[in-house]
N, C-alpha and C. Protein backbone atom coordinates (compact mmCIF):
# COMPACT_ATOMS: atom_id res chain seq x y z
N MET A 1 0.84 -1.17 0.00
CA MET A 1 0.00 0.00 0.00
C MET A 1 0.89 1.23 0.00
N ASN A 2 0.56 2.17 -0.85
CA ASN A 2 1.25 3.46 -0.91
C ASN A 2 0.28 4.55 -0.51
N ILE A 3 0.79 5.56 0.14
CA ILE A 3 -0.02 6.70 0.55
C ILE A 3 0.73 7.97 0.20
N LYS A 4 -0.03 8.97 -0.25
CA LYS A 4 0.59 10.24 -0.58
C LYS A 4 -0.35 11.38 -0.22
N ILE A 5 0.23 12.56 -0.10
CA ILE A 5 -0.53 13.75 0.26
C ILE A 5 0.07 14.94 -0.47
N ASN A 6 -0.75 15.92 -0.79
CA ASN A 6 -0.26 17.16 -1.39
C ASN A 6 0.36 18.00 -0.29
N GLY A 7 1.64 18.26 -0.42
CA GLY A 7 2.36 19.02 0.60
C GLY A 7 2.44 20.51 0.35
N ASP A 8 1.84 20.99 -0.72
CA ASP A 8 1.96 22.41 -1.05
C ASP A 8 1.38 23.34 0.01
N ILE A 9 0.42 22.86 0.77
CA ILE A 9 -0.22 23.73 1.77
C ILE A 9 0.04 23.29 3.20
N LEU A 10 0.91 22.30 3.38
CA LEU A 10 1.19 21.77 4.72
C LEU A 10 2.41 22.45 5.34
N THR A 11 2.35 22.60 6.66
CA THR A 11 3.52 23.08 7.39
C THR A 11 4.47 21.90 7.60
N ASP A 12 5.69 22.18 8.00
CA ASP A 12 6.65 21.10 8.29
C ASP A 12 6.13 20.20 9.40
N GLU A 13 5.46 20.78 10.38
CA GLU A 13 4.90 19.99 11.48
C GLU A 13 3.79 19.05 10.98
N GLN A 14 2.95 19.54 10.06
CA GLN A 14 1.90 18.70 9.51
C GLN A 14 2.47 17.56 8.66
N LYS A 15 3.53 17.85 7.92
CA LYS A 15 4.19 16.80 7.14
C LYS A 15 4.75 15.73 8.06
N GLN A 16 5.39 16.15 9.13
CA GLN A 16 5.95 15.20 10.08
C GLN A 16 4.86 14.36 10.73
N HIS A 17 3.72 14.99 11.04
CA HIS A 17 2.58 14.26 11.62
C HIS A 17 2.08 13.20 10.63
N PHE A 18 2.04 13.54 9.36
CA PHE A 18 1.65 12.60 8.31
C PHE A 18 2.59 11.39 8.30
N PHE A 19 3.90 11.64 8.32
CA PHE A 19 4.87 10.54 8.34
C PHE A 19 4.75 9.71 9.61
N ASP A 20 4.59 10.38 10.75
CA ASP A 20 4.47 9.67 12.03
C ASP A 20 3.21 8.80 12.08
N THR A 21 2.14 9.29 11.50
CA THR A 21 0.85 8.58 11.53
C THR A 21 0.85 7.36 10.61
N PHE A 22 1.38 7.51 9.41
CA PHE A 22 1.25 6.45 8.41
C PHE A 22 2.55 5.73 8.05
N GLY A 23 3.68 6.26 8.46
CA GLY A 23 4.97 5.73 8.03
C GLY A 23 5.22 4.26 8.36
N ASN A 24 4.70 3.79 9.47
CA ASN A 24 4.93 2.41 9.89
C ASN A 24 3.91 1.41 9.35
N ILE A 25 2.90 1.90 8.65
CA ILE A 25 1.85 0.98 8.19
C ILE A 25 1.68 0.97 6.67
N THR A 26 2.64 1.52 5.96
CA THR A 26 2.54 1.57 4.51
C THR A 26 3.86 1.16 3.87
N ASP A 27 3.77 0.71 2.61
CA ASP A 27 4.97 0.31 1.88
C ASP A 27 5.68 1.52 1.27
N GLY A 28 4.92 2.55 0.95
CA GLY A 28 5.48 3.76 0.36
C GLY A 28 4.71 4.96 0.85
N ILE A 29 5.41 6.04 1.14
CA ILE A 29 4.76 7.25 1.65
C ILE A 29 5.42 8.46 0.99
N PHE A 30 4.60 9.38 0.48
CA PHE A 30 5.13 10.49 -0.29
C PHE A 30 4.39 11.79 0.04
N VAL A 31 5.13 12.86 0.15
CA VAL A 31 4.57 14.20 0.18
C VAL A 31 4.86 14.78 -1.20
N GLU A 32 3.81 15.03 -1.96
CA GLU A 32 3.97 15.47 -3.34
C GLU A 32 3.58 16.93 -3.51
N HIS A 33 3.92 17.47 -4.66
CA HIS A 33 3.55 18.82 -5.04
C HIS A 33 2.65 18.75 -6.26
N ALA A 34 1.75 19.70 -6.38
CA ALA A 34 0.86 19.75 -7.55
C ALA A 34 1.68 20.12 -8.78
N ILE A 35 1.48 19.36 -9.85
CA ILE A 35 2.11 19.69 -11.13
C ILE A 35 1.03 19.65 -12.20
N ASP A 36 1.34 20.21 -13.34
CA ASP A 36 0.38 20.29 -14.44
C ASP A 36 0.47 19.03 -15.30
N TYR A 37 -0.14 17.93 -14.80
CA TYR A 37 -0.14 16.66 -15.52
C TYR A 37 -0.90 16.75 -16.83
N TRP A 38 -2.01 17.43 -16.81
CA TRP A 38 -2.97 17.37 -17.90
C TRP A 38 -3.03 18.66 -18.69
N PRO A 39 -2.28 18.77 -19.77
CA PRO A 39 -2.39 19.95 -20.61
C PRO A 39 -3.83 20.14 -21.08
N LYS A 40 -4.22 21.37 -21.22
CA LYS A 40 -5.56 21.76 -21.66
C LYS A 40 -6.63 21.54 -20.60
N PHE A 41 -6.25 21.12 -19.41
CA PHE A 41 -7.20 20.96 -18.31
C PHE A 41 -7.12 22.23 -17.47
N GLU A 42 -8.21 22.99 -17.40
CA GLU A 42 -8.20 24.26 -16.70
C GLU A 42 -8.18 24.04 -15.19
N GLN A 43 -7.14 24.56 -14.55
CA GLN A 43 -7.01 24.46 -13.10
C GLN A 43 -7.02 25.86 -12.52
N ASP A 44 -8.18 26.38 -12.27
CA ASP A 44 -8.30 27.75 -11.79
C ASP A 44 -8.04 27.88 -10.30
N GLU A 45 -8.26 26.81 -9.54
CA GLU A 45 -8.18 26.91 -8.09
C GLU A 45 -6.90 26.33 -7.50
N VAL A 46 -5.99 25.88 -8.37
CA VAL A 46 -4.74 25.29 -7.90
C VAL A 46 -3.59 26.08 -8.48
N ASP A 47 -2.74 26.59 -7.61
CA ASP A 47 -1.54 27.28 -8.07
C ASP A 47 -0.44 26.25 -8.25
N ILE A 48 0.15 26.22 -9.44
CA ILE A 48 1.23 25.29 -9.75
C ILE A 48 2.55 26.04 -9.62
N ASP A 49 3.42 25.54 -8.77
CA ASP A 49 4.76 26.10 -8.63
C ASP A 49 5.67 25.33 -9.57
N GLU A 50 5.95 25.90 -10.74
CA GLU A 50 6.74 25.21 -11.76
C GLU A 50 8.22 25.13 -11.43
N SER A 51 8.63 25.70 -10.29
CA SER A 51 10.04 25.65 -9.91
C SER A 51 10.38 24.42 -9.07
N VAL A 52 9.37 23.63 -8.73
CA VAL A 52 9.59 22.43 -7.92
C VAL A 52 8.95 21.23 -8.59
N GLY A 53 9.60 20.09 -8.49
CA GLY A 53 9.08 18.87 -9.09
C GLY A 53 8.06 18.18 -8.21
N LEU A 54 7.48 17.14 -8.73
CA LEU A 54 6.43 16.37 -8.06
C LEU A 54 6.83 15.94 -6.65
N LEU A 55 8.05 15.46 -6.50
CA LEU A 55 8.52 14.97 -5.20
C LEU A 55 9.47 15.95 -4.53
N GLY A 56 9.39 17.23 -4.91
CA GLY A 56 10.26 18.23 -4.35
C GLY A 56 11.63 18.25 -5.02
N ASN A 57 11.75 17.51 -6.09
CA ASN A 57 13.01 17.38 -6.81
C ASN A 57 13.27 18.60 -7.69
N GLU A 58 14.50 18.68 -8.19
CA GLU A 58 14.88 19.72 -9.14
C GLU A 58 14.10 19.50 -10.44
N VAL A 59 13.68 20.58 -11.05
CA VAL A 59 12.93 20.52 -12.30
C VAL A 59 13.91 20.37 -13.46
N LYS A 60 13.67 19.35 -14.27
CA LYS A 60 14.49 19.13 -15.46
C LYS A 60 13.59 18.53 -16.53
N GLU A 61 13.39 19.25 -17.61
CA GLU A 61 12.52 18.76 -18.69
C GLU A 61 13.26 17.76 -19.56
N VAL A 62 12.60 16.67 -19.88
CA VAL A 62 13.16 15.68 -20.78
C VAL A 62 12.41 15.72 -22.10
N SER A 63 13.07 15.30 -23.16
CA SER A 63 12.45 15.28 -24.49
C SER A 63 11.75 13.96 -24.78
N VAL A 64 12.36 12.88 -24.33
CA VAL A 64 11.83 11.54 -24.61
C VAL A 64 10.98 11.08 -23.44
N CYS A 65 9.73 10.78 -23.71
CA CYS A 65 8.83 10.27 -22.68
C CYS A 65 9.13 8.79 -22.47
N PRO A 66 9.64 8.41 -21.31
CA PRO A 66 9.96 7.01 -21.08
C PRO A 66 8.71 6.13 -20.98
N TYR A 67 7.60 6.72 -20.56
CA TYR A 67 6.38 5.94 -20.35
C TYR A 67 5.83 5.36 -21.65
N ALA A 68 6.09 6.04 -22.77
CA ALA A 68 5.60 5.56 -24.06
C ALA A 68 6.19 4.21 -24.44
N PHE A 69 7.27 3.82 -23.78
CA PHE A 69 7.95 2.57 -24.12
C PHE A 69 7.56 1.40 -23.22
N TYR A 70 6.80 1.69 -22.16
CA TYR A 70 6.42 0.56 -21.31
C TYR A 70 4.99 0.60 -20.78
N GLU A 71 4.19 1.54 -21.24
CA GLU A 71 2.80 1.53 -20.80
C GLU A 71 1.90 2.23 -21.81
N MET A 72 0.64 1.84 -21.79
CA MET A 72 -0.43 2.54 -22.49
C MET A 72 -1.65 2.39 -21.58
N ALA A 73 -2.68 3.11 -21.86
CA ALA A 73 -3.87 3.05 -21.01
C ALA A 73 -5.00 2.33 -21.73
N ILE A 74 -5.69 1.49 -20.98
CA ILE A 74 -6.94 0.91 -21.46
C ILE A 74 -8.03 1.60 -20.64
N ASN A 75 -8.84 2.38 -21.31
CA ASN A 75 -9.86 3.18 -20.65
C ASN A 75 -11.07 2.33 -20.27
N SER A 76 -11.92 2.87 -19.42
CA SER A 76 -13.08 2.13 -18.92
C SER A 76 -14.05 1.74 -20.03
N ASP A 77 -14.02 2.45 -21.17
CA ASP A 77 -14.90 2.11 -22.29
C ASP A 77 -14.25 1.11 -23.25
N GLY A 78 -13.05 0.62 -22.89
CA GLY A 78 -12.36 -0.36 -23.72
C GLY A 78 -11.46 0.25 -24.79
N SER A 79 -11.44 1.58 -24.88
CA SER A 79 -10.56 2.23 -25.84
C SER A 79 -9.13 2.26 -25.29
N TYR A 80 -8.19 2.48 -26.18
CA TYR A 80 -6.78 2.54 -25.80
C TYR A 80 -6.27 3.95 -25.98
N SER A 81 -5.51 4.44 -25.02
CA SER A 81 -4.89 5.76 -25.12
C SER A 81 -3.38 5.61 -25.17
N LEU A 82 -2.74 6.50 -25.90
CA LEU A 82 -1.29 6.50 -25.96
C LEU A 82 -0.67 6.81 -24.60
N CYS A 83 -1.42 7.49 -23.74
CA CYS A 83 -0.87 7.95 -22.47
C CYS A 83 -1.89 7.77 -21.35
N ARG A 84 -1.40 7.39 -20.17
CA ARG A 84 -2.31 7.22 -19.03
C ARG A 84 -2.87 8.54 -18.54
N PHE A 85 -2.28 9.66 -18.95
CA PHE A 85 -2.78 10.96 -18.54
C PHE A 85 -3.65 11.61 -19.60
N ASP A 86 -4.13 10.84 -20.55
CA ASP A 86 -4.99 11.32 -21.63
C ASP A 86 -6.42 11.44 -21.09
N TRP A 87 -6.63 12.41 -20.21
CA TRP A 87 -7.89 12.56 -19.49
C TRP A 87 -9.08 12.82 -20.39
N ASN A 88 -8.87 13.48 -21.52
CA ASN A 88 -10.01 13.79 -22.40
C ASN A 88 -10.06 12.89 -23.64
N HIS A 89 -9.29 11.82 -23.62
CA HIS A 89 -9.27 10.82 -24.70
C HIS A 89 -8.98 11.45 -26.06
N SER A 90 -8.03 12.35 -26.08
CA SER A 90 -7.66 12.99 -27.35
C SER A 90 -6.54 12.25 -28.07
N MET A 91 -5.97 11.23 -27.42
CA MET A 91 -4.87 10.48 -28.03
C MET A 91 -5.20 8.99 -28.05
N LEU A 92 -6.35 8.67 -28.59
CA LEU A 92 -6.79 7.28 -28.61
C LEU A 92 -6.12 6.48 -29.72
N LEU A 93 -5.85 5.25 -29.42
CA LEU A 93 -5.36 4.27 -30.39
C LEU A 93 -6.50 3.33 -30.73
N GLY A 94 -6.40 2.66 -31.81
CA GLY A 94 -7.36 1.60 -32.08
C GLY A 94 -8.36 1.92 -33.15
N ARG A 95 -8.94 3.12 -33.12
CA ARG A 95 -9.92 3.45 -34.15
C ARG A 95 -9.27 3.39 -35.53
N GLU A 96 -8.00 3.80 -35.59
CA GLU A 96 -7.28 3.77 -36.86
C GLU A 96 -6.95 2.34 -37.28
N LEU A 97 -7.01 1.42 -36.32
CA LEU A 97 -6.64 0.03 -36.59
C LEU A 97 -7.81 -0.81 -37.06
N GLY A 98 -9.00 -0.23 -37.11
CA GLY A 98 -10.16 -0.98 -37.59
C GLY A 98 -10.92 -1.64 -36.47
N GLU A 99 -11.37 -2.88 -36.71
CA GLU A 99 -12.17 -3.60 -35.74
C GLU A 99 -11.41 -3.80 -34.43
N TYR A 100 -12.08 -4.35 -33.43
CA TYR A 100 -11.48 -4.55 -32.12
C TYR A 100 -10.13 -5.24 -32.24
N LYS A 101 -9.16 -4.71 -31.52
CA LYS A 101 -7.83 -5.30 -31.46
C LYS A 101 -7.51 -5.61 -30.00
N SER A 102 -6.83 -6.69 -29.78
CA SER A 102 -6.41 -7.04 -28.42
C SER A 102 -5.34 -6.06 -27.96
N PRO A 103 -5.13 -5.94 -26.65
CA PRO A 103 -4.07 -5.06 -26.16
C PRO A 103 -2.71 -5.38 -26.77
N LYS A 104 -2.42 -6.65 -26.97
CA LYS A 104 -1.13 -7.04 -27.57
C LYS A 104 -1.02 -6.52 -29.00
N LYS A 105 -2.10 -6.64 -29.77
CA LYS A 105 -2.08 -6.14 -31.15
C LYS A 105 -1.88 -4.62 -31.18
N VAL A 106 -2.52 -3.92 -30.27
CA VAL A 106 -2.36 -2.46 -30.21
C VAL A 106 -0.92 -2.14 -29.80
N TRP A 107 -0.41 -2.85 -28.78
CA TRP A 107 0.95 -2.60 -28.32
C TRP A 107 1.97 -2.86 -29.43
N ASP A 108 1.72 -3.84 -30.25
CA ASP A 108 2.65 -4.19 -31.34
C ASP A 108 2.36 -3.42 -32.63
N SER A 109 1.44 -2.47 -32.61
CA SER A 109 1.02 -1.77 -33.83
C SER A 109 2.08 -0.79 -34.34
N THR A 110 2.03 -0.55 -35.62
CA THR A 110 2.89 0.44 -36.27
C THR A 110 2.58 1.83 -35.73
N LEU A 111 1.33 2.09 -35.40
CA LEU A 111 0.93 3.39 -34.88
C LEU A 111 1.64 3.70 -33.56
N LEU A 112 1.67 2.75 -32.67
CA LEU A 112 2.37 2.96 -31.40
C LEU A 112 3.88 3.07 -31.63
N TRP A 113 4.40 2.26 -32.52
CA TRP A 113 5.83 2.29 -32.85
C TRP A 113 6.20 3.69 -33.37
N GLU A 114 5.36 4.26 -34.21
CA GLU A 114 5.62 5.59 -34.74
C GLU A 114 5.56 6.65 -33.64
N PHE A 115 4.63 6.48 -32.72
CA PHE A 115 4.52 7.40 -31.57
C PHE A 115 5.81 7.36 -30.75
N GLN A 116 6.31 6.18 -30.47
CA GLN A 116 7.55 6.04 -29.72
C GLN A 116 8.73 6.67 -30.47
N ASN A 117 8.79 6.43 -31.76
CA ASN A 117 9.87 6.98 -32.57
C ASN A 117 9.83 8.51 -32.66
N MET A 118 8.65 9.08 -32.58
CA MET A 118 8.51 10.53 -32.59
C MET A 118 9.31 11.14 -31.45
N PHE A 119 9.27 10.53 -30.28
CA PHE A 119 10.06 11.02 -29.15
C PHE A 119 11.55 10.89 -29.43
N LEU A 120 11.94 9.73 -29.94
CA LEU A 120 13.36 9.47 -30.18
C LEU A 120 13.95 10.39 -31.24
N ARG A 121 13.11 10.85 -32.17
CA ARG A 121 13.57 11.79 -33.20
C ARG A 121 13.56 13.23 -32.69
N GLY A 122 13.15 13.45 -31.45
CA GLY A 122 13.16 14.80 -30.87
C GLY A 122 12.02 15.67 -31.33
N GLU A 123 10.86 15.07 -31.66
CA GLU A 123 9.74 15.83 -32.23
C GLU A 123 8.60 16.09 -31.25
N ARG A 124 8.83 15.87 -29.96
CA ARG A 124 7.75 16.03 -28.97
C ARG A 124 7.17 17.44 -28.98
N ILE A 125 7.98 18.45 -28.91
CA ILE A 125 7.50 19.83 -28.83
C ILE A 125 6.85 20.28 -30.13
N SER A 126 7.38 19.84 -31.26
CA SER A 126 6.84 20.27 -32.55
C SER A 126 5.50 19.63 -32.87
N ARG A 127 5.13 18.58 -32.18
CA ARG A 127 3.82 17.94 -32.40
C ARG A 127 2.79 18.55 -31.46
N ALA A 128 2.48 19.81 -31.68
CA ALA A 128 1.61 20.58 -30.79
C ALA A 128 0.20 20.00 -30.68
N TYR A 129 -0.24 19.21 -31.65
CA TYR A 129 -1.57 18.62 -31.60
C TYR A 129 -1.66 17.50 -30.56
N LEU A 130 -0.52 17.02 -30.08
CA LEU A 130 -0.50 16.02 -29.02
C LEU A 130 -0.36 16.70 -27.66
N LEU A 131 -0.97 16.11 -26.64
CA LEU A 131 -0.82 16.64 -25.29
C LEU A 131 0.65 16.62 -24.85
N CYS A 132 1.44 15.75 -25.43
CA CYS A 132 2.84 15.56 -25.05
C CYS A 132 3.65 16.84 -25.15
N SER A 133 3.30 17.71 -26.07
CA SER A 133 4.11 18.91 -26.30
C SER A 133 4.10 19.84 -25.09
N LYS A 134 3.09 19.75 -24.25
CA LYS A 134 2.97 20.63 -23.09
C LYS A 134 2.87 19.85 -21.78
N CYS A 135 3.29 18.61 -21.79
CA CYS A 135 3.13 17.74 -20.63
C CYS A 135 4.01 18.16 -19.45
N GLY A 136 3.38 18.48 -18.33
CA GLY A 136 4.11 18.86 -17.13
C GLY A 136 4.85 17.70 -16.49
N LEU A 137 4.39 16.50 -16.74
CA LEU A 137 5.05 15.33 -16.16
C LEU A 137 6.48 15.20 -16.68
N LEU A 138 6.71 15.58 -17.93
CA LEU A 138 8.04 15.47 -18.50
C LEU A 138 8.97 16.59 -18.06
N LYS A 139 8.42 17.53 -17.29
CA LYS A 139 9.23 18.61 -16.73
C LYS A 139 9.33 18.46 -15.21
N GLN A 140 8.22 18.29 -14.57
CA GLN A 140 8.19 18.27 -13.11
C GLN A 140 8.01 16.89 -12.50
N GLY A 141 7.72 15.89 -13.32
CA GLY A 141 7.36 14.58 -12.78
C GLY A 141 8.50 13.65 -12.46
N MET A 142 9.73 14.05 -12.74
CA MET A 142 10.90 13.25 -12.45
C MET A 142 10.88 11.90 -13.15
N PRO A 143 10.61 11.91 -14.46
CA PRO A 143 10.65 10.63 -15.18
C PRO A 143 12.09 10.18 -15.41
N GLU A 144 12.24 8.97 -15.82
CA GLU A 144 13.57 8.50 -16.18
C GLU A 144 14.06 9.34 -17.36
N ASP A 145 15.31 9.74 -17.33
CA ASP A 145 15.88 10.57 -18.39
C ASP A 145 16.63 9.65 -19.35
N ILE A 146 16.02 9.36 -20.49
CA ILE A 146 16.67 8.51 -21.49
C ILE A 146 17.05 9.31 -22.73
N ASP A 147 17.04 10.63 -22.63
CA ASP A 147 17.36 11.49 -23.77
C ASP A 147 18.71 11.16 -24.39
N GLU A 148 19.72 10.92 -23.57
CA GLU A 148 21.06 10.66 -24.11
C GLU A 148 21.14 9.35 -24.89
N PHE A 149 20.15 8.49 -24.73
CA PHE A 149 20.14 7.22 -25.43
C PHE A 149 19.21 7.22 -26.65
N SER A 150 18.62 8.37 -26.98
CA SER A 150 17.59 8.41 -28.02
C SER A 150 18.11 7.92 -29.38
N GLU A 151 19.29 8.33 -29.78
CA GLU A 151 19.81 7.89 -31.08
C GLU A 151 20.08 6.39 -31.09
N LEU A 152 20.65 5.87 -30.02
CA LEU A 152 20.90 4.45 -29.90
C LEU A 152 19.60 3.65 -29.97
N LEU A 153 18.58 4.11 -29.23
CA LEU A 153 17.28 3.44 -29.23
C LEU A 153 16.62 3.51 -30.61
N LEU A 154 16.71 4.66 -31.24
CA LEU A 154 16.13 4.81 -32.59
C LEU A 154 16.78 3.85 -33.56
N ASP A 155 18.09 3.69 -33.49
CA ASP A 155 18.80 2.75 -34.36
C ASP A 155 18.34 1.32 -34.10
N ARG A 156 18.08 0.99 -32.84
CA ARG A 156 17.69 -0.38 -32.48
C ARG A 156 16.23 -0.69 -32.79
N MET A 157 15.42 0.35 -32.91
CA MET A 157 14.00 0.12 -33.19
C MET A 157 13.80 -0.04 -34.68
């Protein structure tokens, strides 16, 4: 079991109380900061501090999304999304593939392969029609940084 809390509005004493209360009964415990996970999602009541990462880490934007290489989302309606943060289903897979496809067929599709290669070619920002171009997770979310391996990975794919 993992537990987390938004620490943006907590005092140091409240954070310590959180750790003291739950630290011994959970496998993972995190004090997180609000970040802009969902581009185009209006957040009027939450102030995002773009100078701090999700876990209080240093902010460093990456070009290559590592998640595209090991996960996709299967939505509650059975559709497939390129990204688990595709809250408005603007990056769906499958419709282009025709009739129902199994998750394995979608994962092995040329469409997903092209999506992955787009990152490796350094085209994330230039593809403004994708949520990826403005994704806060790739700046503040502390993803694995595989940018330096992009050419090697592209050659191997």
